[in-house]
Amino acid sequence: MPHRFFLSSGDLIADRRYEFARDLQLKGNLAAAAEVMEQAIEVAPNFASAWFELGQIRITLGETDKAIAAFQNARAADPDDRHGAGVRLMQLGAAPLSDMPKAYVQSLFDQYAPRFEAELIERLNYRAPNILFKAVLAVRAAERKPAYFKRAIDLGCGTGLGAAAFAKNVDSFIGIDLSAGMIAEARATGLYAALEVDDMTAGLQRQPDASADLVLAADAMVYVGDLAPVLAESRRVLMPGGLLTFTVETHEGDGVIMGKGLRYAHGAEYVRGAITSTGLQLRHLEPASPRTEEQQPVRGLAVVAART
């Protein structure tokens, strides 16, 4: 999903040069686009959107060092980093891996909310919720327990696709998402008893101990680098015997990287270690592709862990 967040420079001439540069960029005239974008920056040196787009152009031109400098300037011009320049710097190896800027994630999904489901289902063949539902059914069958849950917490709930997949097996859903736009779409489904605008860890921290028997996160952990805090809070809110289920994107190595799609990818051994270190017991970890991009299945893992 393209993220084209725009912050006006406050200068009409600079803004017009930015638009002209974007038109050149879209037409494939990248060298000219970079030159005009630099002219916009000359007029308005703290023009965050122009710095960010210049970084994008430099990446396409293969000018990595110049791209890094542009992204650094974009982040300096907008400390909230609503464009996600810091995410690009992480991907380029020019900044240490850290949490994604909250303002970036909010702006990304707020603009995407109205077309989220159509984009995911029709173009990307999104299947994470159904993968998790089948994984939970398999775990419950192996335990010889019914796959029915009184209270589920849907982390990064988006428009409600996760709740829809589990709807017949859950009495009550709580949804948590950082994007107000996504929460508005989820509210329209009527699937949730309550909805909260917050990040996953902070939202879980407001939930009582042992208050849920299912926590799910379909395609949401890809926006979380360090899984330990959200896993620890999930364990706390789960009842004994309750399940946590989530998908991640993965890679061949260990640890966590910023993937090509500007989402975190977690190695399988990292996931195992994070689950063990937070006191959960792994019940299921299998390869599973949550979506298709560029006509290729995205590598991922489906995970189910239990609080014992």
C-alpha atoms as a PDB file:
ATOM      1  CA  MET A   1       0.000   0.000   0.000  1.00  0.00           C
ATOM      2  CA  PRO A   2       1.594   3.285  -1.088  1.00  0.00           C
ATOM      3  CA  HIS A   3       2.016   5.807   1.697  1.00  0.00           C
ATOM      4  CA  ARG A   4       1.752   9.309   0.219  1.00  0.00           C
ATOM      5  CA  PHE A   5       1.422  11.494   3.275  1.00  0.00           C
ATOM      6  CA  PHE A   6       1.792  15.208   2.517  1.00  0.00           C
ATOM      7  CA  LEU A   7       2.659  18.102   4.804  1.00  0.00           C
ATOM      8  CA  SER A   8       2.508  21.532   3.205  1.00  0.00           C
ATOM      9  CA  SER A   9       5.652  23.614   3.486  1.00  0.00           C
ATOM     10  CA  GLY A  10       3.554  26.692   4.106  1.00  0.00           C
ATOM     11  CA  ASP A  11       5.050  28.266   0.989  1.00  0.00           C
ATOM     12  CA  LEU A  12       2.923  28.180  -2.161  1.00  0.00           C
ATOM     13  CA  ILE A  13       5.926  28.222  -4.518  1.00  0.00           C
ATOM     14  CA  ALA A  14       7.601  25.313  -2.721  1.00  0.00           C
ATOM     15  CA  ASP A  15       4.384  23.308  -2.680  1.00  0.00           C
ATOM     16  CA  ARG A  16       3.882  23.865  -6.414  1.00  0.00           C
ATOM     17  CA  ARG A  17       7.431  22.749  -7.151  1.00  0.00           C
ATOM     18  CA  TYR A  18       6.829  19.649  -5.055  1.00  0.00           C
ATOM     19  CA  GLU A  19       3.735  18.808  -7.123  1.00  0.00           C
ATOM     20  CA  PHE A  20       5.636  19.397 -10.365  1.00  0.00           C
ATOM     21  CA  ALA A  21       8.440  17.130  -9.132  1.00  0.00           C
ATOM     22  CA  ARG A  22       5.930  14.429  -8.183  1.00  0.00           C
ATOM     23  CA  ASP A  23       4.440  14.627 -11.688  1.00  0.00           C
ATOM     24  CA  LEU A  24       7.894  14.164 -13.207  1.00  0.00           C
ATOM     25  CA  GLN A  25       8.548  11.283 -10.810  1.00  0.00           C
ATOM     26  CA  LEU A  26       5.337   9.505 -11.775  1.00  0.00           C
ATOM     27  CA  LYS A  27       6.222   9.930 -15.452  1.00  0.00           C
ATOM     28  CA  GLY A  28       9.577   8.248 -14.835  1.00  0.00           C
ATOM     29  CA  ASN A  29      11.756  11.326 -15.320  1.00  0.00           C
ATOM     30  CA  LEU A  30      13.592  10.780 -12.052  1.00  0.00           C
ATOM     31  CA  ALA A  31      16.646  12.959 -12.593  1.00  0.00           C
ATOM     32  CA  ALA A  32      14.470  15.960 -13.411  1.00  0.00           C
ATOM     33  CA  ALA A  33      12.163  15.127 -10.499  1.00  0.00           C
ATOM     34  CA  ALA A  34      15.101  15.151  -8.089  1.00  0.00           C
ATOM     35  CA  GLU A  35      16.291  18.510  -9.437  1.00  0.00           C
ATOM     36  CA  VAL A  36      12.871  20.149  -9.045  1.00  0.00           C
ATOM     37  CA  MET A  37      12.379  18.595  -5.592  1.00  0.00           C
ATOM     38  CA  GLU A  38      15.697  20.130  -4.551  1.00  0.00           C
ATOM     39  CA  GLN A  39      14.419  23.494  -5.834  1.00  0.00           C
ATOM     40  CA  ALA A  40      11.380  23.120  -3.573  1.00  0.00           C
ATOM     41  CA  ILE A  41      13.707  22.451  -0.635  1.00  0.00           C
ATOM     42  CA  GLU A  42      15.773  25.533  -1.482  1.00  0.00           C
ATOM     43  CA  VAL A  43      12.637  27.628  -1.071  1.00  0.00           C
ATOM     44  CA  ALA A  44      11.528  25.776   2.102  1.00  0.00           C
ATOM     45  CA  PRO A  45      14.520  24.051   3.795  1.00  0.00           C
ATOM     46  CA  ASN A  46      12.318  22.317   6.417  1.00  0.00           C
ATOM     47  CA  PHE A  47       9.890  20.877   3.857  1.00  0.00           C
ATOM     48  CA  ALA A  48       9.542  17.346   5.299  1.00  0.00           C
ATOM     49  CA  SER A  49       7.454  15.932   2.446  1.00  0.00           C
ATOM     50  CA  ALA A  50       9.922  17.167  -0.169  1.00  0.00           C
ATOM     51  CA  TRP A  51      12.886  15.712   1.705  1.00  0.00           C
ATOM     52  CA  PHE A  52      11.081  12.385   2.072  1.00  0.00           C
ATOM     53  CA  GLU A  53      10.060  12.179  -1.586  1.00  0.00           C
ATOM     54  CA  LEU A  54      13.571  13.149  -2.632  1.00  0.00           C
ATOM     55  CA  GLY A  55      14.781  10.158  -0.614  1.00  0.00           C
ATOM     56  CA  GLN A  56      12.342   7.912  -2.477  1.00  0.00           C
ATOM     57  CA  ILE A  57      13.591   9.217  -5.804  1.00  0.00           C
ATOM     58  CA  ARG A  58      17.228   8.728  -4.790  1.00  0.00           C
ATOM     59  CA  ILE A  59      16.528   5.108  -3.837  1.00  0.00           C
ATOM     60  CA  THR A  60      15.038   4.449  -7.272  1.00  0.00           C
ATOM     61  CA  LEU A  61      18.071   6.086  -8.883  1.00  0.00           C
ATOM     62  CA  GLY A  62      20.351   3.807  -6.851  1.00  0.00           C
ATOM     63  CA  GLU A  63      21.871   6.742  -4.960  1.00  0.00           C
ATOM     64  CA  THR A  64      21.761   5.203  -1.500  1.00  0.00           C
ATOM     65  CA  ASP A  65      23.951   7.715   0.342  1.00  0.00           C
ATOM     66  CA  LYS A  66      21.949  10.640  -1.001  1.00  0.00           C
ATOM     67  CA  ALA A  67      18.715   8.843  -0.111  1.00  0.00           C
ATOM     68  CA  ILE A  68      19.910   8.335   3.471  1.00  0.00           C
ATOM     69  CA  ALA A  69      20.765  12.026   3.785  1.00  0.00           C
ATOM     70  CA  ALA A  70      17.324  13.000   2.455  1.00  0.00           C
ATOM     71  CA  PHE A  71      15.491  10.685   4.847  1.00  0.00           C
ATOM     72  CA  GLN A  72      17.548  12.002   7.761  1.00  0.00           C
ATOM     73  CA  ASN A  73      16.518  15.539   6.824  1.00  0.00           C
ATOM     74  CA  ALA A  74      12.875  14.470   6.478  1.00  0.00           C
ATOM     75  CA  ARG A  75      12.911  13.013   9.979  1.00  0.00           C
ATOM     76  CA  ALA A  76      14.588  16.128  11.384  1.00  0.00           C
ATOM     77  CA  ALA A  77      11.975  18.357   9.728  1.00  0.00           C
ATOM     78  CA  ASP A  78       9.096  16.323  11.193  1.00  0.00           C
ATOM     79  CA  PRO A  79      10.092  14.841  14.586  1.00  0.00           C
ATOM     80  CA  ASP A  80       6.838  12.832  14.705  1.00  0.00           C
ATOM     81  CA  ASP A  81       8.034  11.197  11.461  1.00  0.00           C
ATOM     82  CA  ARG A  82       4.610  10.871   9.907  1.00  0.00           C
ATOM     83  CA  HIS A  83       6.204   9.911   6.580  1.00  0.00           C
ATOM     84  CA  GLY A  84       8.117   7.003   8.085  1.00  0.00           C
ATOM     85  CA  ALA A  85      11.577   8.223   7.103  1.00  0.00           C
ATOM     86  CA  GLY A  86      12.988   6.344  10.087  1.00  0.00           C
ATOM     87  CA  VAL A  87      11.537   3.106   8.749  1.00  0.00           C
ATOM     88  CA  ARG A  88      13.351   3.656   5.442  1.00  0.00           C
ATOM     89  CA  LEU A  89      16.563   4.378   7.333  1.00  0.00           C
ATOM     90  CA  MET A  90      16.195   1.100   9.235  1.00  0.00           C
ATOM     91  CA  GLN A  91      15.653  -0.765   5.985  1.00  0.00           C
ATOM     92  CA  LEU A  92      18.749   0.861   4.469  1.00  0.00           C
ATOM     93  CA  GLY A  93      20.856  -0.079   7.501  1.00  0.00           C
ATOM     94  CA  ALA A  94      21.381   3.584   8.376  1.00  0.00           C
ATOM     95  CA  ALA A  95      19.540   3.447  11.706  1.00  0.00           C
ATOM     96  CA  PRO A  96      19.284   0.746  14.379  1.00  0.00           C
ATOM     97  CA  LEU A  97      16.167  -1.375  14.444  1.00  0.00           C
ATOM     98  CA  SER A  98      13.614   0.223  16.754  1.00  0.00           C
ATOM     99  CA  ASP A  99       9.874   0.722  17.135  1.00  0.00           C
ATOM    100  CA  MET A 100       8.032   2.226  14.203  1.00  0.00           C
ATOM    101  CA  PRO A 101       6.958   5.850  14.796  1.00  0.00           C
ATOM    102  CA  LYS A 102       3.379   5.794  16.077  1.00  0.00           C
ATOM    103  CA  ALA A 103       2.426   8.808  13.977  1.00  0.00           C
ATOM    104  CA  TYR A 104       3.631   6.998  10.849  1.00  0.00           C
ATOM    105  CA  VAL A 105       1.564   3.879  11.563  1.00  0.00           C
ATOM    106  CA  GLN A 106      -1.483   6.026  12.330  1.00  0.00           C
ATOM    107  CA  SER A 107      -1.210   8.087   9.150  1.00  0.00           C
ATOM    108  CA  LEU A 108      -0.514   4.976   7.081  1.00  0.00           C
ATOM    109  CA  PHE A 109      -3.640   3.146   8.212  1.00  0.00           C
ATOM    110  CA  ASP A 110      -5.908   6.162   8.572  1.00  0.00           C
ATOM    111  CA  GLN A 111      -5.463   6.906   4.866  1.00  0.00           C
ATOM    112  CA  TYR A 112      -5.793   3.220   3.987  1.00  0.00           C
ATOM    113  CA  ALA A 113      -8.865   2.383   6.104  1.00  0.00           C
ATOM    114  CA  PRO A 114     -11.631   3.073   3.524  1.00  0.00           C
ATOM    115  CA  ARG A 115     -10.085   0.730   0.931  1.00  0.00           C
ATOM    116  CA  PHE A 116      -8.311  -1.640   3.286  1.00  0.00           C
ATOM    117  CA  GLU A 117     -10.476  -4.718   2.808  1.00  0.00           C
ATOM    118  CA  ALA A 118     -10.830  -4.393  -0.942  1.00  0.00           C
ATOM    119  CA  GLU A 119      -7.079  -3.916  -1.340  1.00  0.00           C
ATOM    120  CA  LEU A 120      -6.113  -6.826   0.910  1.00  0.00           C
ATOM    121  CA  ILE A 121      -8.674  -9.362  -0.205  1.00  0.00           C
ATOM    122  CA  GLU A 122      -8.950  -8.576  -3.904  1.00  0.00           C
ATOM    123  CA  ARG A 123      -5.359  -7.646  -4.731  1.00  0.00           C
ATOM    124  CA  LEU A 124      -3.206  -9.261  -2.038  1.00  0.00           C
ATOM    125  CA  ASN A 125      -5.243 -12.419  -1.371  1.00  0.00           C
ATOM    126  CA  TYR A 126      -5.064 -11.716   2.361  1.00  0.00           C
ATOM    127  CA  ARG A 127      -5.576 -14.862   4.400  1.00  0.00           C
ATOM    128  CA  ALA A 128      -4.033 -14.333   7.865  1.00  0.00           C
ATOM    129  CA  PRO A 129      -7.316 -14.519   9.868  1.00  0.00           C
ATOM    130  CA  ASN A 130      -8.353 -17.822   8.294  1.00  0.00           C
ATOM    131  CA  ILE A 131      -4.848 -19.236   8.817  1.00  0.00           C
ATOM    132  CA  LEU A 132      -5.052 -18.387  12.521  1.00  0.00           C
ATOM    133  CA  PHE A 133      -8.557 -19.789  12.855  1.00  0.00           C
ATOM    134  CA  LYS A 134      -7.453 -23.136  11.401  1.00  0.00           C
ATOM    135  CA  ALA A 135      -4.363 -23.179  13.618  1.00  0.00           C
ATOM    136  CA  VAL A 136      -6.454 -22.590  16.748  1.00  0.00           C
ATOM    137  CA  LEU A 137      -8.901 -25.317  15.712  1.00  0.00           C
ATOM    138  CA  ALA A 138      -5.993 -27.726  15.268  1.00  0.00           C
ATOM    139  CA  VAL A 139      -4.516 -26.883  18.669  1.00  0.00           C
ATOM    140  CA  ARG A 140      -7.837 -27.265  20.428  1.00  0.00           C
ATOM    141  CA  ALA A 141      -8.487 -30.575  18.667  1.00  0.00           C
ATOM    142  CA  ALA A 142      -5.077 -31.870  19.784  1.00  0.00           C
ATOM    143  CA  GLU A 143      -5.904 -30.819  23.350  1.00  0.00           C
ATOM    144  CA  ARG A 144      -9.369 -32.402  23.040  1.00  0.00           C
ATOM    145  CA  LYS A 145     -10.942 -29.107  24.053  1.00  0.00           C
ATOM    146  CA  PRO A 146     -13.704 -27.138  22.346  1.00  0.00           C
ATOM    147  CA  ALA A 147     -12.591 -24.157  20.283  1.00  0.00           C
ATOM    148  CA  TYR A 148     -15.028 -21.750  21.922  1.00  0.00           C
ATOM    149  CA  PHE A 149     -13.973 -18.612  23.771  1.00  0.00           C
ATOM    150  CA  LYS A 150     -15.840 -16.249  26.074  1.00  0.00           C
ATOM    151  CA  ARG A 151     -13.722 -13.119  25.601  1.00  0.00           C
ATOM    152  CA  ALA A 152     -11.207 -12.430  22.844  1.00  0.00           C
ATOM    153  CA  ILE A 153      -8.886  -9.468  22.394  1.00  0.00           C
ATOM    154  CA  ASP A 154      -8.168  -8.613  18.761  1.00  0.00           C
ATOM    155  CA  LEU A 155      -4.820  -6.784  18.547  1.00  0.00           C
ATOM    156  CA  GLY A 156      -4.314  -4.516  15.575  1.00  0.00           C
ATOM    157  CA  CYS A 157      -7.916  -5.303  14.753  1.00  0.00           C
ATOM    158  CA  GLY A 158      -8.044  -3.193  11.593  1.00  0.00           C
ATOM    159  CA  THR A 159     -11.462  -3.278   9.981  1.00  0.00           C
ATOM    160  CA  GLY A 160     -12.511  -6.443  11.814  1.00  0.00           C
ATOM    161  CA  LEU A 161     -11.409  -9.256   9.521  1.00  0.00           C
ATOM    162  CA  GLY A 162      -9.894 -11.193  12.433  1.00  0.00           C
ATOM    163  CA  ALA A 163     -13.078 -10.996  14.473  1.00  0.00           C
ATOM    164  CA  ALA A 164     -15.092 -12.037  11.432  1.00  0.00           C
ATOM    165  CA  ALA A 165     -13.012 -15.208  11.046  1.00  0.00           C
ATOM    166  CA  PHE A 166     -13.576 -16.172  14.709  1.00  0.00           C
ATOM    167  CA  ALA A 167     -17.085 -14.744  15.103  1.00  0.00           C
ATOM    168  CA  LYS A 168     -18.933 -18.052  15.495  1.00  0.00           C
ATOM    169  CA  ASN A 169     -16.482 -19.246  18.154  1.00  0.00           C
ATOM    170  CA  VAL A 170     -16.234 -16.171  20.390  1.00  0.00           C
ATOM    171  CA  ASP A 171     -18.876 -14.620  22.651  1.00  0.00           C
ATOM    172  CA  SER A 172     -17.336 -11.139  22.984  1.00  0.00           C
ATOM    173  CA  PHE A 173     -14.551  -9.212  21.236  1.00  0.00           C
ATOM    174  CA  ILE A 174     -12.399  -6.300  22.360  1.00  0.00           C
ATOM    175  CA  GLY A 175     -10.604  -4.567  19.478  1.00  0.00           C
ATOM    176  CA  ILE A 176      -7.419  -2.506  19.794  1.00  0.00           C
ATOM    177  CA  ASP A 177      -5.847  -0.544  16.927  1.00  0.00           C
ATOM    178  CA  LEU A 178      -3.601   2.495  16.678  1.00  0.00           C
ATOM    179  CA  SER A 179      -5.588   3.924  13.748  1.00  0.00           C
ATOM    180  CA  ALA A 180      -8.819   5.801  14.489  1.00  0.00           C
ATOM    181  CA  GLY A 181      -9.789   5.257  10.854  1.00  0.00           C
ATOM    182  CA  MET A 182      -9.520   1.507  11.236  1.00  0.00           C
ATOM    183  CA  ILE A 183     -11.463   1.582  14.515  1.00  0.00           C
ATOM    184  CA  ALA A 184     -14.282   3.449  12.757  1.00  0.00           C
ATOM    185  CA  GLU A 185     -14.449   0.720  10.113  1.00  0.00           C
ATOM    186  CA  ALA A 186     -14.373  -2.012  12.783  1.00  0.00           C
ATOM    187  CA  ARG A 187     -17.173  -0.337  14.727  1.00  0.00           C
ATOM    188  CA  ALA A 188     -19.396  -0.501  11.655  1.00  0.00           C
ATOM    189  CA  THR A 189     -19.196  -4.313  11.658  1.00  0.00           C
ATOM    190  CA  GLY A 190     -21.016  -4.643  14.975  1.00  0.00           C
ATOM    191  CA  LEU A 191     -18.638  -7.457  15.961  1.00  0.00           C
ATOM    192  CA  TYR A 192     -16.984  -5.741  18.920  1.00  0.00           C
ATOM    193  CA  ALA A 193     -18.224  -5.151  22.447  1.00  0.00           C
ATOM    194  CA  ALA A 194     -15.558  -2.457  22.846  1.00  0.00           C
ATOM    195  CA  LEU A 195     -12.946  -0.768  20.676  1.00  0.00           C
ATOM    196  CA  GLU A 196      -9.869   1.229  21.712  1.00  0.00           C
ATOM    197  CA  VAL A 197      -7.498   3.468  19.772  1.00  0.00           C
ATOM    198  CA  ASP A 198      -4.022   2.604  21.070  1.00  0.00           C
ATOM    199  CA  ASP A 199      -0.966   0.518  20.332  1.00  0.00           C
ATOM    200  CA  MET A 200      -1.174  -3.153  21.212  1.00  0.00           C
ATOM    201  CA  THR A 201       0.948  -3.173  24.349  1.00  0.00           C
ATOM    202  CA  ALA A 202      -0.632  -0.070  25.879  1.00  0.00           C
ATOM    203  CA  GLY A 203      -4.115  -1.355  25.067  1.00  0.00           C
ATOM    204  CA  LEU A 204      -3.382  -4.676  26.736  1.00  0.00           C
ATOM    205  CA  GLN A 205      -2.007  -2.925  29.821  1.00  0.00           C
ATOM    206  CA  ARG A 206      -5.484  -1.558  30.568  1.00  0.00           C
ATOM    207  CA  GLN A 207      -7.026  -5.028  30.513  1.00  0.00           C
ATOM    208  CA  PRO A 208      -7.436  -6.915  33.825  1.00  0.00           C
ATOM    209  CA  ASP A 209      -5.336  -9.963  34.684  1.00  0.00           C
ATOM    210  CA  ALA A 210      -6.700 -13.283  33.395  1.00  0.00           C
ATOM    211  CA  SER A 211      -9.611 -11.549  31.670  1.00  0.00           C
ATOM    212  CA  ALA A 212      -9.499 -13.198  28.213  1.00  0.00           C
ATOM    213  CA  ASP A 213      -9.252 -16.732  26.922  1.00  0.00           C
ATOM    214  CA  LEU A 214      -8.085 -15.755  23.417  1.00  0.00           C
ATOM    215  CA  VAL A 215      -5.747 -13.058  22.125  1.00  0.00           C
ATOM    216  CA  LEU A 216      -5.295 -12.812  18.367  1.00  0.00           C
ATOM    217  CA  ALA A 217      -3.146 -10.625  16.116  1.00  0.00           C
ATOM    218  CA  ALA A 218      -3.661 -11.269  12.413  1.00  0.00           C
ATOM    219  CA  ASP A 219      -0.913  -9.592  10.385  1.00  0.00           C
ATOM    220  CA  ALA A 220      -0.331  -7.030  13.173  1.00  0.00           C
ATOM    221  CA  MET A 221       2.977  -8.198  14.670  1.00  0.00           C
ATOM    222  CA  VAL A 222       4.660  -7.181  11.409  1.00  0.00           C
ATOM    223  CA  TYR A 223       4.552  -3.625  12.798  1.00  0.00           C
ATOM    224  CA  VAL A 224       6.220  -4.680  16.077  1.00  0.00           C
ATOM    225  CA  GLY A 225       9.969  -5.219  16.198  1.00  0.00           C
ATOM    226  CA  ASP A 226      10.487  -6.441  19.752  1.00  0.00           C
ATOM    227  CA  LEU A 227       7.746  -8.975  20.448  1.00  0.00           C
ATOM    228  CA  ALA A 228       8.541  -9.434  24.158  1.00  0.00           C
ATOM    229  CA  PRO A 229       6.422  -6.571  25.610  1.00  0.00           C
ATOM    230  CA  VAL A 230       3.229  -7.496  23.752  1.00  0.00           C
ATOM    231  CA  LEU A 231       3.744 -11.217  24.431  1.00  0.00           C
ATOM    232  CA  ALA A 232       4.263 -10.559  28.150  1.00  0.00           C
ATOM    233  CA  GLU A 233       1.087  -8.461  28.364  1.00  0.00           C
ATOM    234  CA  SER A 234      -0.825 -11.079  26.392  1.00  0.00           C
ATOM    235  CA  ARG A 235       0.226 -13.744  28.875  1.00  0.00           C
ATOM    236  CA  ARG A 236      -0.885 -11.564  31.791  1.00  0.00           C
ATOM    237  CA  VAL A 237      -4.382 -10.978  30.408  1.00  0.00           C
ATOM    238  CA  LEU A 238      -4.914 -14.604  29.395  1.00  0.00           C
ATOM    239  CA  MET A 239      -6.712 -17.029  31.671  1.00  0.00           C
ATOM    240  CA  PRO A 240      -4.915 -20.313  32.417  1.00  0.00           C
ATOM    241  CA  GLY A 241      -5.428 -22.458  29.339  1.00  0.00           C
ATOM    242  CA  GLY A 242      -6.069 -19.397  27.160  1.00  0.00           C
ATOM    243  CA  LEU A 243      -4.457 -19.043  23.741  1.00  0.00           C
ATOM    244  CA  LEU A 244      -2.455 -16.377  21.968  1.00  0.00           C
ATOM    245  CA  THR A 245      -2.355 -16.670  18.196  1.00  0.00           C
ATOM    246  CA  PHE A 246      -0.633 -14.432  15.673  1.00  0.00           C
ATOM    247  CA  THR A 247       1.114 -14.285  12.320  1.00  0.00           C
ATOM    248  CA  VAL A 248       4.520 -12.833  11.539  1.00  0.00           C
ATOM    249  CA  GLU A 249       6.458 -12.405   8.351  1.00  0.00           C
ATOM    250  CA  THR A 250       9.743 -14.273   8.468  1.00  0.00           C
ATOM    251  CA  HIS A 251      13.150 -14.638   6.853  1.00  0.00           C
ATOM    252  CA  GLU A 252      15.817 -17.310   6.567  1.00  0.00           C
ATOM    253  CA  GLY A 253      18.034 -15.984   9.347  1.00  0.00           C
ATOM    254  CA  ASP A 254      17.436 -15.392  13.024  1.00  0.00           C
ATOM    255  CA  GLY A 255      16.537 -12.197  14.804  1.00  0.00           C
ATOM    256  CA  VAL A 256      14.447  -9.364  13.394  1.00  0.00           C
ATOM    257  CA  ILE A 257      14.964  -7.386  10.183  1.00  0.00           C
ATOM    258  CA  MET A 258      13.095  -4.644   8.349  1.00  0.00           C
ATOM    259  CA  GLY A 259      11.777  -6.430   5.299  1.00  0.00           C
ATOM    260  CA  LYS A 260      11.359  -5.305   1.720  1.00  0.00           C
ATOM    261  CA  GLY A 261       7.721  -4.399   2.348  1.00  0.00           C
ATOM    262  CA  LEU A 262       8.716  -2.014   5.180  1.00  0.00           C
ATOM    263  CA  ARG A 263       7.414  -4.443   7.780  1.00  0.00           C
ATOM    264  CA  TYR A 264       9.372  -6.383  10.374  1.00  0.00           C
ATOM    265  CA  ALA A 265      10.280  -9.988   9.593  1.00  0.00           C
ATOM    266  CA  HIS A 266      10.966 -12.275  12.572  1.00  0.00           C
ATOM    267  CA  GLY A 267      13.135 -15.380  12.394  1.00  0.00           C
ATOM    268  CA  ALA A 268      11.529 -18.611  13.597  1.00  0.00           C
ATOM    269  CA  GLU A 269      14.054 -19.106  16.397  1.00  0.00           C
ATOM    270  CA  TYR A 270      13.535 -15.549  17.558  1.00  0.00           C
ATOM    271  CA  VAL A 271       9.797 -16.212  17.826  1.00  0.00           C
ATOM    272  CA  ARG A 272      10.369 -19.425  19.767  1.00  0.00           C
ATOM    273  CA  GLY A 273      12.700 -17.646  22.158  1.00  0.00           C
ATOM    274  CA  ALA A 274      10.358 -14.698  22.689  1.00  0.00           C
ATOM    275  CA  ILE A 275       7.485 -17.039  23.542  1.00  0.00           C
ATOM    276  CA  THR A 276       9.568 -19.088  25.959  1.00  0.00           C
ATOM    277  CA  SER A 277      11.050 -16.030  27.676  1.00  0.00           C
ATOM    278  CA  THR A 278       7.597 -14.625  28.456  1.00  0.00           C
ATOM    279  CA  GLY A 279       6.393 -17.855  30.081  1.00  0.00           C
ATOM    280  CA  LEU A 280       4.051 -18.977  27.325  1.00  0.00           C
ATOM    281  CA  GLN A 281       4.117 -22.498  25.912  1.00  0.00           C
ATOM    282  CA  LEU A 282       4.385 -22.910  22.174  1.00  0.00           C
ATOM    283  CA  ARG A 283       1.614 -25.071  20.739  1.00  0.00           C
ATOM    284  CA  HIS A 284       1.946 -24.406  17.005  1.00  0.00           C
ATOM    285  CA  LEU A 285       4.544 -22.748  14.758  1.00  0.00           C
ATOM    286  CA  GLU A 286       4.249 -23.506  11.072  1.00  0.00           C
ATOM    287  CA  PRO A 287       5.098 -21.760   7.786  1.00  0.00           C
ATOM    288  CA  ALA A 288       2.092 -19.845   6.487  1.00  0.00           C
ATOM    289  CA  SER A 289       1.875 -17.047   3.946  1.00  0.00           C
ATOM    290  CA  PRO A 290      -0.449 -14.238   5.115  1.00  0.00           C
ATOM    291  CA  ARG A 291      -0.682 -12.453   1.756  1.00  0.00           C
ATOM    292  CA  THR A 292       0.620 -12.291  -1.817  1.00  0.00           C
ATOM    293  CA  GLU A 293       2.789  -9.428  -3.065  1.00  0.00           C
ATOM    294  CA  GLU A 294       4.274  -8.973  -6.521  1.00  0.00           C
ATOM    295  CA  GLN A 295       2.585 -12.275  -7.436  1.00  0.00           C
ATOM    296  CA  GLN A 296       4.641 -14.119  -4.818  1.00  0.00           C
ATOM    297  CA  PRO A 297       3.457 -15.507  -1.454  1.00  0.00           C
ATOM    298  CA  VAL A 298       4.957 -13.559   1.439  1.00  0.00           C
ATOM    299  CA  ARG A 299       6.912 -15.843   3.759  1.00  0.00           C
ATOM    300  CA  GLY A 300       5.330 -16.032   7.184  1.00  0.00           C
ATOM    301  CA  LEU A 301       4.628 -18.083  10.294  1.00  0.00           C
ATOM    302  CA  ALA A 302       1.399 -18.956  12.067  1.00  0.00           C
ATOM    303  CA  VAL A 303       1.864 -19.176  15.822  1.00  0.00           C
ATOM    304  CA  VAL A 304      -0.297 -20.445  18.696  1.00  0.00           C
ATOM    305  CA  ALA A 305       0.932 -20.273  22.287  1.00  0.00           C
ATOM    306  CA  ALA A 306      -0.851 -21.097  25.554  1.00  0.00           C
ATOM    307  CA  ARG A 307      -0.821 -19.818  29.083  1.00  0.00           C
ATOM    308  CA  THR A 308      -0.646 -22.851  31.341  1.00  0.00           C
END
